[in-house]
């Protein structure tokens, strides 16, 4: 039974995630208001610059984690780049088979029409951009370590920093794509609250090790997906980010399977 002390403890252990979600919503509100006042060419320029900044973030995630990961130390006789490619290709094939991009597009269409309207000046929100934004917000050591630190040490400091950065990114995105960007808050909350709740449930078994090979190689895959999002923001040819989302789960599975060989 969920008692008041347990609920209060859970809210304290997840306070950083709630701040993160609130920061994104505030960023969407500010960006949506600004978007109506900005000329279209300026919004297009902002989109291009956001794409370049996102590219830098993705490259830092991928290259930085790839330099730190030591798969050989974990008993994995396979280069990190090969495991990354295998995970991305297999994930994209699975996502294509499940028609993730098509399903998300069908889910977004009625909400796009309702929120943007026929006279809206906002650019239509592509399903890949929404899923790519989730990857940008939620994939990386800052998310995992922040959620674990919040749950186990009652310290939301890392998530406060992350939430501030996510809020600023939400301002730029919603200035171009409108209030529909706020939908990313739903998977963001589910993901981060799930991590913190599991950490509370398995308190003694959780180790927040930033050098863990599984965490590092997952960050490499996430960084490549963020690079794909950057190409999309910049209007360049790009792979389907939505279809490749299963790669984030497959890379964890592949890493553990290879460790058993």
C-alpha atoms as a PDB file:
ATOM      1  CA  UNK A   1       0.000   0.000   0.000  1.00  0.00           C
ATOM      2  CA  UNK A   2       1.298   3.446  -0.922  1.00  0.00           C
ATOM      3  CA  UNK A   3       1.507   5.478   2.281  1.00  0.00           C
ATOM      4  CA  UNK A   4       2.226   9.187   2.649  1.00  0.00           C
ATOM      5  CA  UNK A   5       5.855   8.712   3.854  1.00  0.00           C
ATOM      6  CA  UNK A   6       6.592   6.374   0.931  1.00  0.00           C
ATOM      7  CA  UNK A   7       5.057   8.819  -1.532  1.00  0.00           C
ATOM      8  CA  UNK A   8       7.041  11.722  -0.069  1.00  0.00           C
ATOM      9  CA  UNK A   9      10.253   9.688  -0.241  1.00  0.00           C
ATOM     10  CA  UNK A  10       9.533   8.764  -3.872  1.00  0.00           C
ATOM     11  CA  UNK A  11       8.843  12.382  -4.798  1.00  0.00           C
ATOM     12  CA  UNK A  12      12.128  13.424  -3.189  1.00  0.00           C
ATOM     13  CA  UNK A  13      13.980  10.669  -5.049  1.00  0.00           C
ATOM     14  CA  UNK A  14      12.490  11.814  -8.368  1.00  0.00           C
ATOM     15  CA  UNK A  15      12.504  15.580  -7.783  1.00  0.00           C
ATOM     16  CA  UNK A  16      15.147  16.180 -10.446  1.00  0.00           C
ATOM     17  CA  UNK A  17      13.082  14.433 -13.121  1.00  0.00           C
ATOM     18  CA  UNK A  18      10.019  16.542 -12.278  1.00  0.00           C
ATOM     19  CA  UNK A  19      12.162  19.678 -12.554  1.00  0.00           C
ATOM     20  CA  UNK A  20      13.503  18.404 -15.879  1.00  0.00           C
ATOM     21  CA  UNK A  21       9.985  17.931 -17.256  1.00  0.00           C
ATOM     22  CA  UNK A  22       8.860  21.328 -15.953  1.00  0.00           C
ATOM     23  CA  UNK A  23      11.893  23.014 -17.523  1.00  0.00           C
ATOM     24  CA  UNK A  24      11.072  21.461 -20.904  1.00  0.00           C
ATOM     25  CA  UNK A  25       7.422  22.548 -20.647  1.00  0.00           C
ATOM     26  CA  UNK A  26       8.473  26.100 -19.744  1.00  0.00           C
ATOM     27  CA  UNK A  27      10.914  26.083 -22.649  1.00  0.00           C
ATOM     28  CA  UNK A  28       8.161  24.951 -25.009  1.00  0.00           C
ATOM     29  CA  UNK A  29       5.864  27.705 -23.727  1.00  0.00           C
ATOM     30  CA  UNK A  30       8.504  30.395 -24.222  1.00  0.00           C
ATOM     31  CA  UNK A  31       9.563  29.050 -27.609  1.00  0.00           C
ATOM     32  CA  UNK A  32       5.983  28.777 -28.882  1.00  0.00           C
ATOM     33  CA  UNK A  33       5.313  32.393 -27.920  1.00  0.00           C
ATOM     34  CA  UNK A  34       8.531  33.568 -29.573  1.00  0.00           C
ATOM     35  CA  UNK A  35       7.907  31.542 -32.711  1.00  0.00           C
ATOM     36  CA  UNK A  36       4.816  33.548 -33.642  1.00  0.00           C
ATOM     37  CA  UNK A  37       6.841  36.766 -33.456  1.00  0.00           C
ATOM     38  CA  UNK A  38       9.844  35.629 -35.478  1.00  0.00           C
ATOM     39  CA  UNK A  39       9.881  35.871 -39.293  1.00  0.00           C
ATOM     40  CA  UNK A  40      10.072  32.566 -41.120  1.00  0.00           C
ATOM     41  CA  UNK A  41      13.586  33.121 -42.491  1.00  0.00           C
ATOM     42  CA  UNK A  42      14.879  33.791 -38.976  1.00  0.00           C
ATOM     43  CA  UNK A  43      13.213  30.613 -37.696  1.00  0.00           C
ATOM     44  CA  UNK A  44      14.849  28.678 -40.532  1.00  0.00           C
ATOM     45  CA  UNK A  45      18.239  30.116 -39.560  1.00  0.00           C
ATOM     46  CA  UNK A  46      17.640  29.186 -35.919  1.00  0.00           C
ATOM     47  CA  UNK A  47      16.765  25.661 -37.031  1.00  0.00           C
ATOM     48  CA  UNK A  48      20.020  25.408 -38.984  1.00  0.00           C
ATOM     49  CA  UNK A  49      22.129  26.663 -36.080  1.00  0.00           C
ATOM     50  CA  UNK A  50      20.310  24.309 -33.706  1.00  0.00           C
ATOM     51  CA  UNK A  51      21.180  21.496 -36.090  1.00  0.00           C
ATOM     52  CA  UNK A  52      24.870  22.406 -35.982  1.00  0.00           C
ATOM     53  CA  UNK A  53      24.897  22.639 -32.177  1.00  0.00           C
ATOM     54  CA  UNK A  54      23.076  19.299 -31.980  1.00  0.00           C
ATOM     55  CA  UNK A  55      25.732  17.851 -34.290  1.00  0.00           C
ATOM     56  CA  UNK A  56      28.450  18.973 -31.878  1.00  0.00           C
ATOM     57  CA  UNK A  57      26.558  17.420 -28.949  1.00  0.00           C
ATOM     58  CA  UNK A  58      26.114  14.129 -30.793  1.00  0.00           C
ATOM     59  CA  UNK A  59      29.754  13.967 -31.864  1.00  0.00           C
ATOM     60  CA  UNK A  60      30.938  14.702 -28.320  1.00  0.00           C
ATOM     61  CA  UNK A  61      28.677  11.951 -26.972  1.00  0.00           C
ATOM     62  CA  UNK A  62      29.786   9.390 -29.536  1.00  0.00           C
ATOM     63  CA  UNK A  63      33.498  10.200 -29.777  1.00  0.00           C
ATOM     64  CA  UNK A  64      33.963  10.898 -26.072  1.00  0.00           C
ATOM     65  CA  UNK A  65      32.344   7.642 -24.998  1.00  0.00           C
ATOM     66  CA  UNK A  66      34.112   5.664 -27.746  1.00  0.00           C
ATOM     67  CA  UNK A  67      37.476   6.891 -26.455  1.00  0.00           C
ATOM     68  CA  UNK A  68      36.595   5.902 -22.885  1.00  0.00           C
ATOM     69  CA  UNK A  69      34.998   2.535 -23.560  1.00  0.00           C
ATOM     70  CA  UNK A  70      37.195  -0.486 -23.014  1.00  0.00           C
ATOM     71  CA  UNK A  71      35.302  -3.447 -24.409  1.00  0.00           C
ATOM     72  CA  UNK A  72      38.393  -5.647 -24.235  1.00  0.00           C
ATOM     73  CA  UNK A  73      38.536  -5.056 -20.478  1.00  0.00           C
ATOM     74  CA  UNK A  74      34.978  -6.402 -20.276  1.00  0.00           C
ATOM     75  CA  UNK A  75      35.915  -9.511 -22.241  1.00  0.00           C
ATOM     76  CA  UNK A  76      34.469  -8.305 -25.550  1.00  0.00           C
ATOM     77  CA  UNK A  77      36.800  -9.046 -28.455  1.00  0.00           C
ATOM     78  CA  UNK A  78      35.056  -6.666 -30.844  1.00  0.00           C
ATOM     79  CA  UNK A  79      35.742  -3.007 -31.686  1.00  0.00           C
ATOM     80  CA  UNK A  80      33.316  -0.463 -30.263  1.00  0.00           C
ATOM     81  CA  UNK A  81      32.671   0.906 -33.754  1.00  0.00           C
ATOM     82  CA  UNK A  82      31.627  -2.521 -35.062  1.00  0.00           C
ATOM     83  CA  UNK A  83      29.295  -3.127 -32.126  1.00  0.00           C
ATOM     84  CA  UNK A  84      27.788   0.327 -32.653  1.00  0.00           C
ATOM     85  CA  UNK A  85      27.184  -0.335 -36.352  1.00  0.00           C
ATOM     86  CA  UNK A  86      25.726  -3.774 -35.649  1.00  0.00           C
ATOM     87  CA  UNK A  87      23.343  -2.347 -33.053  1.00  0.00           C
ATOM     88  CA  UNK A  88      22.227   0.512 -35.300  1.00  0.00           C
ATOM     89  CA  UNK A  89      21.632  -1.681 -38.361  1.00  0.00           C
ATOM     90  CA  UNK A  90      19.813  -4.365 -36.370  1.00  0.00           C
ATOM     91  CA  UNK A  91      17.803  -1.732 -34.509  1.00  0.00           C
ATOM     92  CA  UNK A  92      16.841   0.034 -37.724  1.00  0.00           C
ATOM     93  CA  UNK A  93      15.775  -3.283 -39.280  1.00  0.00           C
ATOM     94  CA  UNK A  94      13.647  -4.123 -36.243  1.00  0.00           C
ATOM     95  CA  UNK A  95      12.131  -0.640 -36.130  1.00  0.00           C
ATOM     96  CA  UNK A  96      11.343  -0.810 -39.836  1.00  0.00           C
ATOM     97  CA  UNK A  97       9.738  -4.208 -39.344  1.00  0.00           C
ATOM     98  CA  UNK A  98       7.613  -2.822 -36.502  1.00  0.00           C
ATOM     99  CA  UNK A  99       6.843   0.298 -38.587  1.00  0.00           C
ATOM    100  CA  UNK A 100       7.725   2.578 -35.688  1.00  0.00           C
ATOM    101  CA  UNK A 101       8.017   5.736 -37.794  1.00  0.00           C
ATOM    102  CA  UNK A 102       4.686   5.076 -39.546  1.00  0.00           C
ATOM    103  CA  UNK A 103       2.885   4.346 -36.273  1.00  0.00           C
ATOM    104  CA  UNK A 104       4.278   7.463 -34.610  1.00  0.00           C
ATOM    105  CA  UNK A 105       3.323   9.565 -37.615  1.00  0.00           C
ATOM    106  CA  UNK A 106      -0.258   8.254 -37.487  1.00  0.00           C
ATOM    107  CA  UNK A 107      -0.389   9.019 -33.766  1.00  0.00           C
ATOM    108  CA  UNK A 108       0.923  12.556 -34.283  1.00  0.00           C
ATOM    109  CA  UNK A 109      -1.294  13.587 -37.195  1.00  0.00           C
ATOM    110  CA  UNK A 110      -4.499  14.431 -35.258  1.00  0.00           C
ATOM    111  CA  UNK A 111      -2.563  16.236 -32.523  1.00  0.00           C
ATOM    112  CA  UNK A 112      -0.606  18.197 -35.108  1.00  0.00           C
ATOM    113  CA  UNK A 113      -3.816  19.381 -36.717  1.00  0.00           C
ATOM    114  CA  UNK A 114      -5.383  20.252 -33.360  1.00  0.00           C
ATOM    115  CA  UNK A 115      -2.419  22.108 -31.854  1.00  0.00           C
ATOM    116  CA  UNK A 116      -1.049  23.868 -34.915  1.00  0.00           C
ATOM    117  CA  UNK A 117      -4.199  24.596 -36.878  1.00  0.00           C
ATOM    118  CA  UNK A 118      -4.452  25.623 -40.534  1.00  0.00           C
ATOM    119  CA  UNK A 119      -3.063  29.106 -39.926  1.00  0.00           C
ATOM    120  CA  UNK A 120      -0.123  28.124 -37.787  1.00  0.00           C
ATOM    121  CA  UNK A 121       3.271  29.401 -38.898  1.00  0.00           C
ATOM    122  CA  UNK A 122       5.101  26.555 -37.182  1.00  0.00           C
ATOM    123  CA  UNK A 123       6.886  23.940 -39.241  1.00  0.00           C
ATOM    124  CA  UNK A 124       5.208  20.520 -39.206  1.00  0.00           C
ATOM    125  CA  UNK A 125       6.757  18.244 -36.584  1.00  0.00           C
ATOM    126  CA  UNK A 126       8.265  15.136 -38.140  1.00  0.00           C
ATOM    127  CA  UNK A 127       7.978  11.934 -36.061  1.00  0.00           C
ATOM    128  CA  UNK A 128      11.717  11.388 -36.383  1.00  0.00           C
ATOM    129  CA  UNK A 129      12.377  14.774 -34.846  1.00  0.00           C
ATOM    130  CA  UNK A 130      10.197  13.968 -31.840  1.00  0.00           C
ATOM    131  CA  UNK A 131      11.906  10.635 -31.219  1.00  0.00           C
ATOM    132  CA  UNK A 132      15.296  12.210 -31.910  1.00  0.00           C
ATOM    133  CA  UNK A 133      14.549  14.896 -29.337  1.00  0.00           C
ATOM    134  CA  UNK A 134      13.826  12.170 -26.792  1.00  0.00           C
ATOM    135  CA  UNK A 135      17.207  10.602 -27.560  1.00  0.00           C
ATOM    136  CA  UNK A 136      18.871  14.012 -27.224  1.00  0.00           C
ATOM    137  CA  UNK A 137      17.211  14.621 -23.852  1.00  0.00           C
ATOM    138  CA  UNK A 138      17.448  11.145 -22.329  1.00  0.00           C
ATOM    139  CA  UNK A 139      20.420   9.206 -23.721  1.00  0.00           C
ATOM    140  CA  UNK A 140      23.769   9.723 -22.068  1.00  0.00           C
ATOM    141  CA  UNK A 141      25.549   9.280 -18.762  1.00  0.00           C
ATOM    142  CA  UNK A 142      24.105  12.508 -17.339  1.00  0.00           C
ATOM    143  CA  UNK A 143      20.596  11.028 -17.446  1.00  0.00           C
ATOM    144  CA  UNK A 144      21.456   7.690 -15.845  1.00  0.00           C
ATOM    145  CA  UNK A 145      23.868   9.039 -13.261  1.00  0.00           C
ATOM    146  CA  UNK A 146      21.552  11.952 -12.480  1.00  0.00           C
ATOM    147  CA  UNK A 147      18.565   9.678 -11.874  1.00  0.00           C
ATOM    148  CA  UNK A 148      20.603   7.256  -9.754  1.00  0.00           C
ATOM    149  CA  UNK A 149      22.161  10.072  -7.742  1.00  0.00           C
ATOM    150  CA  UNK A 150      18.736  11.606  -7.173  1.00  0.00           C
ATOM    151  CA  UNK A 151      17.263   8.280  -6.016  1.00  0.00           C
ATOM    152  CA  UNK A 152      20.134   6.896  -3.943  1.00  0.00           C
ATOM    153  CA  UNK A 153      21.660  10.085  -2.517  1.00  0.00           C
ATOM    154  CA  UNK A 154      18.617  12.412  -2.628  1.00  0.00           C
ATOM    155  CA  UNK A 155      20.730  14.834  -4.673  1.00  0.00           C
ATOM    156  CA  UNK A 156      19.102  16.206  -7.853  1.00  0.00           C
ATOM    157  CA  UNK A 157      22.090  18.387  -8.793  1.00  0.00           C
ATOM    158  CA  UNK A 158      22.949  16.623 -12.069  1.00  0.00           C
ATOM    159  CA  UNK A 159      19.322  16.592 -13.205  1.00  0.00           C
ATOM    160  CA  UNK A 160      19.011  20.301 -12.396  1.00  0.00           C
ATOM    161  CA  UNK A 161      21.872  20.996 -14.796  1.00  0.00           C
ATOM    162  CA  UNK A 162      20.421  18.625 -17.392  1.00  0.00           C
ATOM    163  CA  UNK A 163      16.938  20.135 -17.027  1.00  0.00           C
ATOM    164  CA  UNK A 164      18.270  23.639 -17.599  1.00  0.00           C
ATOM    165  CA  UNK A 165      20.003  22.555 -20.816  1.00  0.00           C
ATOM    166  CA  UNK A 166      16.916  20.653 -21.991  1.00  0.00           C
ATOM    167  CA  UNK A 167      14.726  23.683 -21.301  1.00  0.00           C
ATOM    168  CA  UNK A 168      16.916  25.912 -23.460  1.00  0.00           C
ATOM    169  CA  UNK A 169      16.875  23.339 -26.259  1.00  0.00           C
ATOM    170  CA  UNK A 170      13.075  23.140 -25.977  1.00  0.00           C
ATOM    171  CA  UNK A 171      12.865  26.924 -26.491  1.00  0.00           C
ATOM    172  CA  UNK A 172      14.745  26.671 -29.778  1.00  0.00           C
ATOM    173  CA  UNK A 173      12.830  23.618 -30.996  1.00  0.00           C
ATOM    174  CA  UNK A 174       9.355  24.915 -30.161  1.00  0.00           C
ATOM    175  CA  UNK A 175      10.109  28.301 -31.753  1.00  0.00           C
ATOM    176  CA  UNK A 176      10.241  26.408 -35.049  1.00  0.00           C
ATOM    177  CA  UNK A 177       7.937  23.429 -34.512  1.00  0.00           C
ATOM    178  CA  UNK A 178       5.382  24.825 -32.070  1.00  0.00           C
ATOM    179  CA  UNK A 179       3.864  23.394 -28.867  1.00  0.00           C
ATOM    180  CA  UNK A 180       3.823  19.817 -30.157  1.00  0.00           C
ATOM    181  CA  UNK A 181       7.414  19.511 -28.902  1.00  0.00           C
ATOM    182  CA  UNK A 182       5.897  19.233 -25.405  1.00  0.00           C
ATOM    183  CA  UNK A 183       4.915  15.628 -26.216  1.00  0.00           C
ATOM    184  CA  UNK A 184       8.516  14.595 -25.549  1.00  0.00           C
ATOM    185  CA  UNK A 185       7.851  15.189 -21.831  1.00  0.00           C
ATOM    186  CA  UNK A 186       5.770  11.986 -21.640  1.00  0.00           C
ATOM    187  CA  UNK A 187       8.524   9.498 -22.593  1.00  0.00           C
ATOM    188  CA  UNK A 188      11.093  11.648 -20.767  1.00  0.00           C
ATOM    189  CA  UNK A 189       9.193  11.328 -17.482  1.00  0.00           C
ATOM    190  CA  UNK A 190       8.450   7.628 -17.961  1.00  0.00           C
ATOM    191  CA  UNK A 191      12.114   6.909 -18.712  1.00  0.00           C
ATOM    192  CA  UNK A 192      13.665   8.931 -15.894  1.00  0.00           C
ATOM    193  CA  UNK A 193      11.056   8.058 -13.265  1.00  0.00           C
ATOM    194  CA  UNK A 194      11.514   4.409 -14.214  1.00  0.00           C
ATOM    195  CA  UNK A 195      15.276   4.588 -13.631  1.00  0.00           C
ATOM    196  CA  UNK A 196      14.895   6.292 -10.246  1.00  0.00           C
ATOM    197  CA  UNK A 197      12.112   3.928  -9.149  1.00  0.00           C
ATOM    198  CA  UNK A 198      14.165   0.857 -10.061  1.00  0.00           C
ATOM    199  CA  UNK A 199      17.125   2.316  -8.179  1.00  0.00           C
ATOM    200  CA  UNK A 200      14.948   2.661  -5.075  1.00  0.00           C
ATOM    201  CA  UNK A 201      13.586  -0.857  -5.497  1.00  0.00           C
ATOM    202  CA  UNK A 202      16.991  -2.494  -5.974  1.00  0.00           C
ATOM    203  CA  UNK A 203      18.985  -0.132  -3.776  1.00  0.00           C
ATOM    204  CA  UNK A 204      21.784  -2.521  -2.981  1.00  0.00           C
ATOM    205  CA  UNK A 205      22.263  -3.801  -6.518  1.00  0.00           C
ATOM    206  CA  UNK A 206      22.581  -0.464  -8.304  1.00  0.00           C
ATOM    207  CA  UNK A 207      26.059   0.836  -9.070  1.00  0.00           C
ATOM    208  CA  UNK A 208      26.407   4.219 -10.754  1.00  0.00           C
ATOM    209  CA  UNK A 209      29.682   3.556 -12.540  1.00  0.00           C
ATOM    210  CA  UNK A 210      30.343   6.080 -15.329  1.00  0.00           C
ATOM    211  CA  UNK A 211      33.055   3.799 -16.759  1.00  0.00           C
ATOM    212  CA  UNK A 212      30.739   0.802 -17.192  1.00  0.00           C
ATOM    213  CA  UNK A 213      31.218  -0.508 -20.770  1.00  0.00           C
ATOM    214  CA  UNK A 214      27.484  -1.023 -21.311  1.00  0.00           C
ATOM    215  CA  UNK A 215      26.754   2.585 -20.363  1.00  0.00           C
ATOM    216  CA  UNK A 216      29.580   3.887 -22.548  1.00  0.00           C
ATOM    217  CA  UNK A 217      28.699   1.895 -25.666  1.00  0.00           C
ATOM    218  CA  UNK A 218      25.033   2.862 -25.221  1.00  0.00           C
ATOM    219  CA  UNK A 219      26.155   6.482 -25.152  1.00  0.00           C
ATOM    220  CA  UNK A 220      28.058   5.951 -28.408  1.00  0.00           C
ATOM    221  CA  UNK A 221      24.905   4.598 -30.087  1.00  0.00           C
ATOM    222  CA  UNK A 222      22.850   7.449 -28.637  1.00  0.00           C
ATOM    223  CA  UNK A 223      25.394   9.964 -29.883  1.00  0.00           C
ATOM    224  CA  UNK A 224      25.143   8.604 -33.430  1.00  0.00           C
ATOM    225  CA  UNK A 225      21.339   8.892 -33.245  1.00  0.00           C
ATOM    226  CA  UNK A 226      21.707  12.502 -32.085  1.00  0.00           C
ATOM    227  CA  UNK A 227      23.953  13.149 -35.106  1.00  0.00           C
ATOM    228  CA  UNK A 228      21.110  11.801 -37.247  1.00  0.00           C
ATOM    229  CA  UNK A 229      18.767  14.267 -35.541  1.00  0.00           C
ATOM    230  CA  UNK A 230      21.246  17.070 -36.281  1.00  0.00           C
ATOM    231  CA  UNK A 231      21.217  16.203 -39.984  1.00  0.00           C
ATOM    232  CA  UNK A 232      17.426  16.285 -39.932  1.00  0.00           C
ATOM    233  CA  UNK A 233      17.343  19.696 -38.231  1.00  0.00           C
ATOM    234  CA  UNK A 234      19.791  21.030 -40.810  1.00  0.00           C
ATOM    235  CA  UNK A 235      17.652  19.703 -43.666  1.00  0.00           C
ATOM    236  CA  UNK A 236      20.294  17.205 -44.820  1.00  0.00           C
ATOM    237  CA  UNK A 237      19.753  13.568 -45.896  1.00  0.00           C
ATOM    238  CA  UNK A 238      19.517  11.393 -42.796  1.00  0.00           C
ATOM    239  CA  UNK A 239      18.558   7.856 -41.738  1.00  0.00           C
ATOM    240  CA  UNK A 240      15.250   7.204 -39.969  1.00  0.00           C
ATOM    241  CA  UNK A 241      15.978   8.007 -36.324  1.00  0.00           C
ATOM    242  CA  UNK A 242      12.635   6.657 -35.120  1.00  0.00           C
ATOM    243  CA  UNK A 243      13.139   3.246 -36.723  1.00  0.00           C
ATOM    244  CA  UNK A 244      16.608   3.014 -35.158  1.00  0.00           C
ATOM    245  CA  UNK A 245      15.407   3.536 -31.562  1.00  0.00           C
ATOM    246  CA  UNK A 246      15.459  -0.234 -30.791  1.00  0.00           C
ATOM    247  CA  UNK A 247      19.243  -0.065 -31.208  1.00  0.00           C
ATOM    248  CA  UNK A 248      19.423   1.491 -27.730  1.00  0.00           C
ATOM    249  CA  UNK A 249      18.053  -1.754 -26.292  1.00  0.00           C
ATOM    250  CA  UNK A 250      19.867  -4.087 -28.674  1.00  0.00           C
ATOM    251  CA  UNK A 251      23.283  -2.625 -27.866  1.00  0.00           C
ATOM    252  CA  UNK A 252      22.752  -3.505 -24.193  1.00  0.00           C
ATOM    253  CA  UNK A 253      21.656  -7.023 -25.152  1.00  0.00           C
ATOM    254  CA  UNK A 254      24.581  -7.508 -27.543  1.00  0.00           C
ATOM    255  CA  UNK A 255      27.087  -6.255 -24.963  1.00  0.00           C
ATOM    256  CA  UNK A 256      25.888  -8.726 -22.341  1.00  0.00           C
ATOM    257  CA  UNK A 257      25.705 -11.609 -24.823  1.00  0.00           C
ATOM    258  CA  UNK A 258      29.253 -10.970 -26.049  1.00  0.00           C
ATOM    259  CA  UNK A 259      30.466 -10.863 -22.451  1.00  0.00           C
ATOM    260  CA  UNK A 260      29.180 -14.418 -21.996  1.00  0.00           C
ATOM    261  CA  UNK A 261      31.108 -15.796 -24.981  1.00  0.00           C
END
